[in-house]
N, C-alpha and C. Protein backbone atom coordinates (compact mmCIF):
# COMPACT_ATOMS: atom_id res chain seq x y z
N MET A 1 0.82 -1.18 0.00
CA MET A 1 0.00 0.00 0.00
C MET A 1 0.87 1.26 0.00
N PHE A 2 1.95 1.24 0.73
CA PHE A 2 2.87 2.37 0.77
C PHE A 2 3.88 2.23 -0.36
N GLY A 3 4.08 3.31 -1.10
CA GLY A 3 5.06 3.29 -2.17
C GLY A 3 4.55 2.70 -3.47
N VAL A 4 3.25 2.52 -3.61
CA VAL A 4 2.70 1.97 -4.85
C VAL A 4 2.21 3.11 -5.75
N GLU A 5 2.23 2.86 -7.03
CA GLU A 5 1.70 3.82 -8.00
C GLU A 5 0.17 3.79 -7.87
N LEU A 6 -0.42 4.93 -7.60
CA LEU A 6 -1.86 4.99 -7.31
C LEU A 6 -2.72 4.54 -8.48
N ASP A 7 -2.34 4.91 -9.70
CA ASP A 7 -3.16 4.55 -10.85
C ASP A 7 -3.15 3.05 -11.14
N ASN A 8 -2.18 2.33 -10.59
CA ASN A 8 -2.07 0.89 -10.83
C ASN A 8 -2.61 0.06 -9.68
N ASN A 9 -3.17 0.69 -8.66
CA ASN A 9 -3.66 -0.04 -7.50
C ASN A 9 -4.98 0.56 -7.04
N SER A 10 -6.06 -0.01 -7.49
CA SER A 10 -7.39 0.53 -7.20
C SER A 10 -7.83 0.31 -5.74
N ASN A 11 -7.08 -0.48 -4.98
CA ASN A 11 -7.46 -0.76 -3.60
C ASN A 11 -7.03 0.33 -2.63
N VAL A 12 -6.09 1.18 -3.04
CA VAL A 12 -5.51 2.13 -2.10
C VAL A 12 -6.43 3.30 -1.79
N LEU A 13 -6.98 3.95 -2.80
CA LEU A 13 -7.80 5.14 -2.55
C LEU A 13 -8.99 4.89 -1.63
N PRO A 14 -9.71 3.77 -1.75
CA PRO A 14 -10.80 3.53 -0.81
C PRO A 14 -10.33 3.42 0.65
N VAL A 15 -9.14 2.87 0.86
CA VAL A 15 -8.60 2.76 2.22
C VAL A 15 -8.30 4.15 2.77
N ILE A 16 -7.69 5.00 1.95
CA ILE A 16 -7.37 6.36 2.37
C ILE A 16 -8.66 7.15 2.60
N ALA A 17 -9.64 6.97 1.71
CA ALA A 17 -10.93 7.65 1.87
C ALA A 17 -11.60 7.24 3.18
N LYS A 18 -11.52 5.98 3.53
CA LYS A 18 -12.11 5.51 4.78
C LYS A 18 -11.40 6.15 5.98
N ALA A 19 -10.08 6.29 5.91
CA ALA A 19 -9.34 6.93 6.99
C ALA A 19 -9.72 8.40 7.11
N LEU A 20 -9.88 9.07 5.97
CA LEU A 20 -10.30 10.48 6.00
C LEU A 20 -11.71 10.62 6.55
N ASP A 21 -12.60 9.70 6.18
CA ASP A 21 -13.96 9.71 6.73
C ASP A 21 -13.93 9.52 8.25
N TRP A 22 -13.08 8.62 8.71
CA TRP A 22 -12.94 8.38 10.15
C TRP A 22 -12.42 9.64 10.84
N LEU A 23 -11.46 10.31 10.22
CA LEU A 23 -10.91 11.55 10.80
C LEU A 23 -11.96 12.66 10.90
N GLU A 24 -12.97 12.63 10.02
CA GLU A 24 -14.04 13.63 10.07
C GLU A 24 -14.75 13.61 11.41
N LYS A 25 -14.76 12.45 12.06
CA LYS A 25 -15.39 12.33 13.38
C LYS A 25 -14.49 12.85 14.49
N HIS A 26 -13.28 13.21 14.13
CA HIS A 26 -12.30 13.66 15.12
C HIS A 26 -11.72 15.03 14.78
N LEU A 27 -12.50 15.83 14.06
CA LEU A 27 -12.03 17.16 13.66
C LEU A 27 -11.72 18.05 14.85
N ASP A 28 -12.32 17.75 15.99
CA ASP A 28 -12.11 18.59 17.17
C ASP A 28 -10.83 18.26 17.93
N ALA A 29 -10.07 17.27 17.46
CA ALA A 29 -8.81 16.93 18.12
C ALA A 29 -7.82 18.08 17.95
N GLU A 30 -7.40 18.66 19.05
CA GLU A 30 -6.53 19.82 18.98
C GLU A 30 -5.23 19.48 18.23
N GLY A 31 -4.89 20.34 17.28
CA GLY A 31 -3.65 20.16 16.52
C GLY A 31 -3.72 19.06 15.48
N LEU A 32 -4.93 18.72 15.03
CA LEU A 32 -5.07 17.68 14.02
C LEU A 32 -4.21 18.01 12.81
N TRP A 33 -3.37 17.10 12.40
CA TRP A 33 -2.37 17.21 11.34
C TRP A 33 -1.10 17.91 11.80
N ARG A 34 -1.06 18.48 13.01
CA ARG A 34 0.14 19.13 13.52
C ARG A 34 0.80 18.29 14.61
N THR A 35 -0.01 17.70 15.46
CA THR A 35 0.49 16.98 16.63
C THR A 35 1.01 15.60 16.21
N SER A 36 2.18 15.26 16.73
CA SER A 36 2.76 13.95 16.43
C SER A 36 2.02 12.86 17.19
N GLY A 37 1.94 11.73 16.55
CA GLY A 37 1.40 10.56 17.21
C GLY A 37 2.54 9.74 17.79
N SER A 38 2.25 8.55 18.21
CA SER A 38 3.25 7.63 18.76
C SER A 38 3.95 6.93 17.60
N LYS A 39 5.28 7.08 17.53
CA LYS A 39 6.04 6.43 16.45
C LYS A 39 5.84 4.93 16.46
N THR A 40 5.77 4.35 17.64
CA THR A 40 5.57 2.89 17.75
C THR A 40 4.20 2.50 17.20
N GLU A 41 3.17 3.25 17.58
CA GLU A 41 1.82 2.95 17.10
C GLU A 41 1.68 3.19 15.59
N ILE A 42 2.31 4.23 15.11
CA ILE A 42 2.26 4.53 13.67
C ILE A 42 2.94 3.41 12.89
N ALA A 43 4.08 2.92 13.39
CA ALA A 43 4.78 1.80 12.74
C ALA A 43 3.90 0.55 12.73
N LYS A 44 3.19 0.31 13.84
CA LYS A 44 2.27 -0.84 13.90
C LYS A 44 1.15 -0.68 12.88
N LEU A 45 0.57 0.52 12.81
CA LEU A 45 -0.50 0.78 11.85
C LEU A 45 0.00 0.57 10.42
N GLN A 46 1.20 1.05 10.13
CA GLN A 46 1.75 0.90 8.80
C GLN A 46 1.97 -0.58 8.47
N ALA A 47 2.48 -1.35 9.42
CA ALA A 47 2.69 -2.78 9.18
C ALA A 47 1.37 -3.49 8.90
N ILE A 48 0.34 -3.15 9.66
CA ILE A 48 -0.98 -3.75 9.43
C ILE A 48 -1.51 -3.34 8.06
N ALA A 49 -1.36 -2.05 7.72
CA ALA A 49 -1.84 -1.56 6.43
C ALA A 49 -1.11 -2.26 5.29
N GLU A 50 0.18 -2.46 5.43
CA GLU A 50 0.95 -3.15 4.39
C GLU A 50 0.50 -4.60 4.21
N GLN A 51 0.19 -5.27 5.32
CA GLN A 51 -0.18 -6.69 5.28
C GLN A 51 -1.62 -6.90 4.83
N THR A 52 -2.52 -6.01 5.25
CA THR A 52 -3.94 -6.26 5.05
C THR A 52 -4.63 -5.30 4.09
N SER A 53 -3.92 -4.25 3.65
CA SER A 53 -4.51 -3.19 2.81
C SER A 53 -5.71 -2.54 3.49
N THR A 54 -5.65 -2.46 4.82
CA THR A 54 -6.66 -1.74 5.59
C THR A 54 -5.94 -0.97 6.71
N ILE A 55 -6.60 0.04 7.21
CA ILE A 55 -6.09 0.78 8.36
C ILE A 55 -7.06 0.55 9.50
N PRO A 56 -6.59 -0.06 10.61
CA PRO A 56 -7.50 -0.29 11.73
C PRO A 56 -7.93 1.04 12.35
N LEU A 57 -9.21 1.28 12.30
CA LEU A 57 -9.75 2.55 12.78
C LEU A 57 -10.74 2.29 13.91
N ASP A 58 -10.21 1.77 15.00
CA ASP A 58 -11.04 1.50 16.16
C ASP A 58 -11.50 2.79 16.80
N TRP A 59 -12.52 2.70 17.60
CA TRP A 59 -13.08 3.88 18.25
C TRP A 59 -12.06 4.56 19.16
N ASP A 60 -11.10 3.78 19.70
CA ASP A 60 -10.13 4.36 20.62
C ASP A 60 -8.80 4.71 19.94
N GLN A 61 -8.75 4.62 18.62
CA GLN A 61 -7.54 4.98 17.88
C GLN A 61 -7.23 6.46 18.06
N ASN A 62 -5.97 6.80 18.15
CA ASN A 62 -5.55 8.19 18.29
C ASN A 62 -5.55 8.84 16.90
N PRO A 63 -6.33 9.92 16.70
CA PRO A 63 -6.39 10.55 15.37
C PRO A 63 -5.03 11.08 14.90
N HIS A 64 -4.16 11.43 15.83
CA HIS A 64 -2.84 11.92 15.43
C HIS A 64 -1.99 10.80 14.83
N ASN A 65 -2.19 9.57 15.31
CA ASN A 65 -1.51 8.42 14.69
C ASN A 65 -1.97 8.25 13.25
N VAL A 66 -3.27 8.43 13.03
CA VAL A 66 -3.83 8.25 11.68
C VAL A 66 -3.33 9.35 10.75
N THR A 67 -3.31 10.61 11.20
CA THR A 67 -2.81 11.67 10.32
C THR A 67 -1.33 11.47 10.01
N ASN A 68 -0.55 11.05 10.99
CA ASN A 68 0.87 10.79 10.75
C ASN A 68 1.06 9.63 9.78
N LEU A 69 0.21 8.62 9.87
CA LEU A 69 0.27 7.51 8.93
C LEU A 69 -0.04 7.98 7.51
N LEU A 70 -1.04 8.85 7.37
CA LEU A 70 -1.38 9.39 6.05
C LEU A 70 -0.26 10.25 5.49
N VAL A 71 0.45 10.97 6.34
CA VAL A 71 1.61 11.74 5.88
C VAL A 71 2.68 10.78 5.35
N ARG A 72 2.93 9.71 6.09
CA ARG A 72 3.90 8.69 5.61
C ARG A 72 3.47 8.14 4.25
N PHE A 73 2.19 7.87 4.13
CA PHE A 73 1.67 7.35 2.87
C PHE A 73 1.96 8.32 1.73
N MET A 74 1.63 9.62 1.93
CA MET A 74 1.85 10.63 0.89
C MET A 74 3.32 10.76 0.54
N GLU A 75 4.18 10.68 1.55
CA GLU A 75 5.62 10.81 1.32
C GLU A 75 6.18 9.70 0.44
N ARG A 76 5.50 8.57 0.42
CA ARG A 76 6.01 7.41 -0.31
C ARG A 76 5.35 7.20 -1.68
N ILE A 77 4.48 8.10 -2.09
CA ILE A 77 3.87 7.99 -3.41
C ILE A 77 4.96 8.21 -4.46
N PRO A 78 5.15 7.27 -5.37
CA PRO A 78 6.19 7.45 -6.39
C PRO A 78 5.98 8.74 -7.18
N GLY A 79 7.03 9.56 -7.25
CA GLY A 79 6.94 10.84 -7.94
C GLY A 79 6.25 11.92 -7.13
N GLY A 80 5.81 11.57 -5.93
CA GLY A 80 5.12 12.52 -5.06
C GLY A 80 3.66 12.67 -5.45
N LEU A 81 2.87 13.14 -4.54
CA LEU A 81 1.46 13.42 -4.85
C LEU A 81 1.40 14.53 -5.89
N VAL A 82 2.18 15.58 -5.67
CA VAL A 82 2.34 16.65 -6.66
C VAL A 82 3.82 16.70 -7.00
N GLY A 83 4.16 16.37 -8.23
CA GLY A 83 5.56 16.29 -8.65
C GLY A 83 6.23 17.64 -8.78
N SER A 84 7.54 17.62 -8.97
CA SER A 84 8.33 18.85 -8.99
C SER A 84 8.00 19.75 -10.17
N SER A 85 7.71 19.19 -11.34
CA SER A 85 7.38 20.06 -12.48
C SER A 85 6.04 20.76 -12.27
N THR A 86 5.09 20.07 -11.66
CA THR A 86 3.81 20.70 -11.34
C THR A 86 3.99 21.76 -10.26
N ALA A 87 4.82 21.47 -9.27
CA ALA A 87 5.10 22.45 -8.21
C ALA A 87 5.72 23.70 -8.80
N THR A 88 6.63 23.54 -9.74
CA THR A 88 7.27 24.69 -10.38
C THR A 88 6.24 25.52 -11.13
N GLU A 89 5.33 24.87 -11.83
CA GLU A 89 4.28 25.58 -12.56
C GLU A 89 3.34 26.30 -11.60
N LEU A 90 3.03 25.67 -10.48
CA LEU A 90 2.17 26.31 -9.48
C LEU A 90 2.83 27.57 -8.93
N LEU A 91 4.11 27.48 -8.65
CA LEU A 91 4.83 28.65 -8.13
C LEU A 91 4.86 29.79 -9.14
N ALA A 92 5.00 29.45 -10.41
CA ALA A 92 5.05 30.47 -11.46
C ALA A 92 3.71 31.19 -11.63
N SER A 93 2.63 30.58 -11.17
CA SER A 93 1.31 31.18 -11.34
C SER A 93 1.01 32.26 -10.30
N GLY A 94 1.83 32.36 -9.27
CA GLY A 94 1.59 33.34 -8.22
C GLY A 94 1.90 34.75 -8.68
N SER A 95 1.29 35.71 -8.02
CA SER A 95 1.59 37.10 -8.32
C SER A 95 2.49 37.63 -7.20
N MET A 96 3.07 38.79 -7.41
CA MET A 96 3.98 39.35 -6.43
C MET A 96 3.36 40.58 -5.77
N LEU A 97 3.52 40.68 -4.47
CA LEU A 97 3.13 41.86 -3.71
C LEU A 97 4.42 42.33 -3.05
N GLY A 98 5.09 43.26 -3.70
CA GLY A 98 6.43 43.64 -3.26
C GLY A 98 7.36 42.47 -3.54
N ASN A 99 8.03 41.97 -2.51
CA ASN A 99 8.91 40.81 -2.65
C ASN A 99 8.24 39.52 -2.19
N THR A 100 6.95 39.59 -1.89
CA THR A 100 6.23 38.45 -1.36
C THR A 100 5.34 37.82 -2.43
N PRO A 101 5.48 36.51 -2.66
CA PRO A 101 4.57 35.86 -3.60
C PRO A 101 3.17 35.75 -2.99
N VAL A 102 2.16 36.00 -3.80
CA VAL A 102 0.78 35.95 -3.34
C VAL A 102 0.02 34.95 -4.21
N PHE A 103 -0.65 34.02 -3.56
CA PHE A 103 -1.41 33.01 -4.31
C PHE A 103 -2.89 33.14 -4.06
N ILE A 104 -3.29 33.87 -3.02
CA ILE A 104 -4.71 34.12 -2.79
C ILE A 104 -5.19 34.97 -3.97
N GLY A 105 -6.31 34.62 -4.54
CA GLY A 105 -6.82 35.36 -5.68
C GLY A 105 -6.46 34.72 -7.01
N VAL A 106 -5.48 33.83 -7.00
CA VAL A 106 -5.14 33.11 -8.23
C VAL A 106 -5.45 31.62 -8.08
N THR A 107 -6.32 31.33 -7.11
CA THR A 107 -6.63 29.94 -6.81
C THR A 107 -7.21 29.20 -8.01
N HIS A 108 -8.02 29.89 -8.81
CA HIS A 108 -8.58 29.25 -9.99
C HIS A 108 -7.48 28.75 -10.92
N ALA A 109 -6.44 29.55 -11.10
CA ALA A 109 -5.30 29.14 -11.93
C ALA A 109 -4.58 27.94 -11.32
N LEU A 110 -4.44 27.92 -9.99
CA LEU A 110 -3.79 26.79 -9.32
C LEU A 110 -4.58 25.51 -9.54
N VAL A 111 -5.90 25.61 -9.39
CA VAL A 111 -6.77 24.45 -9.57
C VAL A 111 -6.69 23.94 -11.02
N GLU A 112 -6.68 24.86 -11.97
CA GLU A 112 -6.57 24.45 -13.38
C GLU A 112 -5.26 23.70 -13.64
N ILE A 113 -4.18 24.19 -13.07
CA ILE A 113 -2.88 23.51 -13.24
C ILE A 113 -2.95 22.10 -12.66
N LEU A 114 -3.47 21.97 -11.45
CA LEU A 114 -3.55 20.66 -10.82
C LEU A 114 -4.45 19.71 -11.60
N ASN A 115 -5.59 20.20 -12.05
CA ASN A 115 -6.50 19.35 -12.82
C ASN A 115 -5.87 18.89 -14.14
N ARG A 116 -5.05 19.73 -14.72
CA ARG A 116 -4.39 19.39 -15.99
C ARG A 116 -3.19 18.46 -15.78
N GLN A 117 -2.44 18.67 -14.71
CA GLN A 117 -1.16 17.97 -14.53
C GLN A 117 -1.26 16.64 -13.78
N LEU A 118 -2.20 16.51 -12.88
CA LEU A 118 -2.25 15.30 -12.05
C LEU A 118 -3.02 14.18 -12.73
N THR A 119 -2.56 12.96 -12.51
CA THR A 119 -3.29 11.79 -13.00
C THR A 119 -4.59 11.65 -12.24
N GLY A 120 -5.49 10.83 -12.74
CA GLY A 120 -6.80 10.67 -12.11
C GLY A 120 -6.75 10.34 -10.64
N SER A 121 -5.95 9.35 -10.25
CA SER A 121 -5.91 8.93 -8.85
C SER A 121 -5.26 9.98 -7.96
N LYS A 122 -4.19 10.60 -8.43
CA LYS A 122 -3.54 11.64 -7.64
C LYS A 122 -4.45 12.86 -7.52
N ARG A 123 -5.15 13.21 -8.58
CA ARG A 123 -6.09 14.34 -8.55
C ARG A 123 -7.23 14.04 -7.58
N GLU A 124 -7.74 12.82 -7.62
CA GLU A 124 -8.82 12.43 -6.72
C GLU A 124 -8.36 12.48 -5.26
N LEU A 125 -7.16 11.95 -5.00
CA LEU A 125 -6.65 11.94 -3.64
C LEU A 125 -6.41 13.36 -3.14
N LEU A 126 -5.77 14.20 -3.95
CA LEU A 126 -5.52 15.57 -3.53
C LEU A 126 -6.84 16.31 -3.30
N GLY A 127 -7.83 16.09 -4.16
CA GLY A 127 -9.14 16.71 -3.97
C GLY A 127 -9.76 16.31 -2.65
N ARG A 128 -9.70 15.02 -2.31
CA ARG A 128 -10.25 14.54 -1.03
C ARG A 128 -9.51 15.16 0.15
N LEU A 129 -8.18 15.20 0.04
CA LEU A 129 -7.38 15.78 1.12
C LEU A 129 -7.69 17.26 1.30
N LEU A 130 -7.78 18.00 0.21
CA LEU A 130 -8.07 19.44 0.31
C LEU A 130 -9.43 19.68 0.95
N GLN A 131 -10.43 18.88 0.57
CA GLN A 131 -11.75 19.02 1.17
C GLN A 131 -11.69 18.72 2.67
N HIS A 132 -10.96 17.68 3.02
CA HIS A 132 -10.82 17.33 4.44
C HIS A 132 -10.10 18.44 5.19
N TRP A 133 -8.99 18.93 4.64
CA TRP A 133 -8.23 19.99 5.32
C TRP A 133 -9.07 21.26 5.47
N GLN A 134 -9.94 21.51 4.52
CA GLN A 134 -10.81 22.68 4.65
C GLN A 134 -11.75 22.50 5.84
N ARG A 135 -12.26 21.29 6.02
CA ARG A 135 -13.13 21.03 7.18
C ARG A 135 -12.34 21.09 8.49
N VAL A 136 -11.08 20.66 8.45
CA VAL A 136 -10.23 20.80 9.64
C VAL A 136 -10.12 22.27 10.03
N VAL A 137 -9.86 23.11 9.04
CA VAL A 137 -9.72 24.55 9.27
C VAL A 137 -11.03 25.16 9.76
N ASP A 138 -12.15 24.68 9.25
CA ASP A 138 -13.45 25.21 9.63
C ASP A 138 -13.84 24.86 11.07
N CYS A 139 -13.21 23.84 11.63
CA CYS A 139 -13.51 23.41 13.01
C CYS A 139 -12.63 24.19 13.98
N GLU A 140 -13.23 25.09 14.72
CA GLU A 140 -12.47 25.97 15.62
C GLU A 140 -11.83 25.23 16.80
N GLU A 141 -12.44 24.12 17.22
CA GLU A 141 -11.96 23.40 18.40
C GLU A 141 -10.54 22.88 18.25
N ASN A 142 -10.12 22.56 17.03
CA ASN A 142 -8.78 21.97 16.85
C ASN A 142 -7.69 23.02 16.75
N ARG A 143 -8.08 24.29 16.65
CA ARG A 143 -7.15 25.42 16.64
C ARG A 143 -6.15 25.36 15.47
N MET A 144 -6.63 24.88 14.32
CA MET A 144 -5.79 24.80 13.13
C MET A 144 -6.31 25.77 12.08
N GLU A 145 -5.41 26.59 11.55
CA GLU A 145 -5.73 27.51 10.47
C GLU A 145 -5.14 26.94 9.18
N ALA A 146 -5.55 27.49 8.05
CA ALA A 146 -5.09 26.99 6.75
C ALA A 146 -3.56 27.00 6.66
N LYS A 147 -2.94 28.06 7.12
CA LYS A 147 -1.47 28.14 7.05
C LYS A 147 -0.81 27.05 7.90
N ALA A 148 -1.39 26.78 9.07
CA ALA A 148 -0.83 25.74 9.95
C ALA A 148 -0.94 24.36 9.30
N VAL A 149 -2.11 24.05 8.74
CA VAL A 149 -2.28 22.76 8.07
C VAL A 149 -1.31 22.67 6.89
N ALA A 150 -1.25 23.72 6.09
CA ALA A 150 -0.36 23.73 4.92
C ALA A 150 1.09 23.53 5.32
N THR A 151 1.50 24.17 6.40
CA THR A 151 2.88 24.04 6.88
C THR A 151 3.18 22.61 7.30
N CYS A 152 2.21 21.96 7.92
CA CYS A 152 2.41 20.60 8.42
C CYS A 152 2.47 19.55 7.32
N VAL A 153 1.79 19.77 6.22
CA VAL A 153 1.68 18.70 5.21
C VAL A 153 2.36 19.02 3.88
N PHE A 154 2.87 20.24 3.69
CA PHE A 154 3.38 20.60 2.36
C PHE A 154 4.52 19.70 1.90
N ALA A 155 5.40 19.30 2.81
CA ALA A 155 6.53 18.46 2.42
C ALA A 155 6.07 17.09 1.93
N ALA A 156 4.96 16.59 2.46
CA ALA A 156 4.42 15.31 2.01
C ALA A 156 3.68 15.47 0.69
N VAL A 157 2.96 16.58 0.51
CA VAL A 157 2.21 16.82 -0.72
C VAL A 157 3.17 17.08 -1.89
N PHE A 158 4.16 17.93 -1.64
CA PHE A 158 5.12 18.31 -2.68
C PHE A 158 6.43 17.57 -2.42
N ALA A 159 6.42 16.27 -2.50
CA ALA A 159 7.59 15.46 -2.19
C ALA A 159 8.79 15.90 -3.02
N GLY A 160 9.92 16.04 -2.34
CA GLY A 160 11.14 16.40 -3.03
C GLY A 160 11.36 17.89 -3.20
N SER A 161 10.40 18.71 -2.81
CA SER A 161 10.56 20.15 -2.95
C SER A 161 10.63 20.79 -1.58
N VAL A 162 11.59 21.69 -1.42
CA VAL A 162 11.73 22.38 -0.15
C VAL A 162 11.45 23.88 -0.28
N ASP A 163 10.84 24.27 -1.39
CA ASP A 163 10.52 25.68 -1.60
C ASP A 163 9.36 26.05 -0.69
N LEU A 164 9.64 26.88 0.30
CA LEU A 164 8.62 27.23 1.30
C LEU A 164 7.45 28.01 0.72
N ARG A 165 7.59 28.56 -0.49
CA ARG A 165 6.45 29.25 -1.11
C ARG A 165 5.32 28.27 -1.40
N LEU A 166 5.65 26.99 -1.45
CA LEU A 166 4.61 25.99 -1.66
C LEU A 166 3.63 25.93 -0.49
N ILE A 167 4.06 26.37 0.68
CA ILE A 167 3.14 26.46 1.81
C ILE A 167 2.04 27.46 1.47
N LEU A 168 2.41 28.58 0.84
CA LEU A 168 1.42 29.59 0.46
C LEU A 168 0.47 29.04 -0.61
N VAL A 169 1.01 28.25 -1.54
CA VAL A 169 0.17 27.63 -2.58
C VAL A 169 -0.86 26.73 -1.90
N LEU A 170 -0.38 25.86 -1.03
CA LEU A 170 -1.28 24.92 -0.36
C LEU A 170 -2.27 25.64 0.55
N GLU A 171 -1.81 26.66 1.24
CA GLU A 171 -2.70 27.45 2.09
C GLU A 171 -3.85 28.03 1.27
N SER A 172 -3.54 28.58 0.11
CA SER A 172 -4.61 29.18 -0.71
C SER A 172 -5.56 28.12 -1.23
N LEU A 173 -5.05 26.92 -1.53
CA LEU A 173 -5.94 25.84 -1.99
C LEU A 173 -6.83 25.34 -0.86
N ILE A 174 -6.30 25.28 0.35
CA ILE A 174 -7.11 24.85 1.49
C ILE A 174 -8.18 25.88 1.81
N ALA A 175 -7.82 27.15 1.71
CA ALA A 175 -8.76 28.22 2.05
C ALA A 175 -9.78 28.49 0.95
N ALA A 176 -9.54 27.97 -0.25
CA ALA A 176 -10.39 28.27 -1.40
C ALA A 176 -11.67 27.46 -1.39
N PRO A 177 -12.78 28.08 -1.85
CA PRO A 177 -14.03 27.33 -1.95
C PRO A 177 -14.02 26.32 -3.10
N LYS A 178 -13.31 26.62 -4.21
CA LYS A 178 -13.26 25.71 -5.35
C LYS A 178 -12.07 24.78 -5.15
N GLN A 179 -12.34 23.50 -5.28
CA GLN A 179 -11.30 22.52 -5.03
C GLN A 179 -10.91 21.79 -6.30
N VAL A 180 -9.84 21.02 -6.17
CA VAL A 180 -9.41 20.15 -7.26
C VAL A 180 -10.49 19.12 -7.48
N SER A 181 -10.85 18.91 -8.73
CA SER A 181 -11.95 17.98 -9.03
C SER A 181 -11.40 16.62 -9.43
N ASP A 182 -12.26 15.62 -9.34
CA ASP A 182 -11.83 14.29 -9.78
C ASP A 182 -12.41 13.97 -11.13
C-alpha cells in the first residue's frame, strides 16, 4: 500500500478515503495534522496496512496516529502526490506583492494547473485531502488555520521540494471554496 503507483492499484484510494472519513469524526482533536502521534503505534498501523490493505480505525484509535500515517503514505507515493514540475508551474502562477509571492486570488489558476497535470488517482486523492483539510480549518476546536495545516503537510504533498512558497500555494488551496476535481 505504501510506495505503490496509485493509478495501478485501485485498492488504495478507498482505504485512504475511509481513513479520512474516520478523521471527520475527530475534527475537534486539537492540533489535528500538527500533533505527532506515537512512532511505535504509527509503525504498527503501517505494518498492518501493508499486510492487510486496511487501516484499523477502532473507536479508541488516536487521530494523530492516523494523520501521521497518512503523511507517511503521501511521502512514499512514487513521484510525489504533486511532482516537482507541477510544483514549479504552481509557483510560477503566483503574483507578487512587493517581494512576497501571493497566491490568494489566483486559486482558480492553481486548480486548473492541478486538474491538468495530475493523473486521475492523484487528482482524486488531492481533492479529497483538500476538502478534508478545509473542514479541519473550519472546526475551531482543533485550533488549526489553513497556514498551519499547509505548513504541516506541504513536504508530504510536494515530495522532493523544499521551496517554502509551496506552503502559500497549499494554504490558498485549502482556504479556497473551489477545489481540485476528480
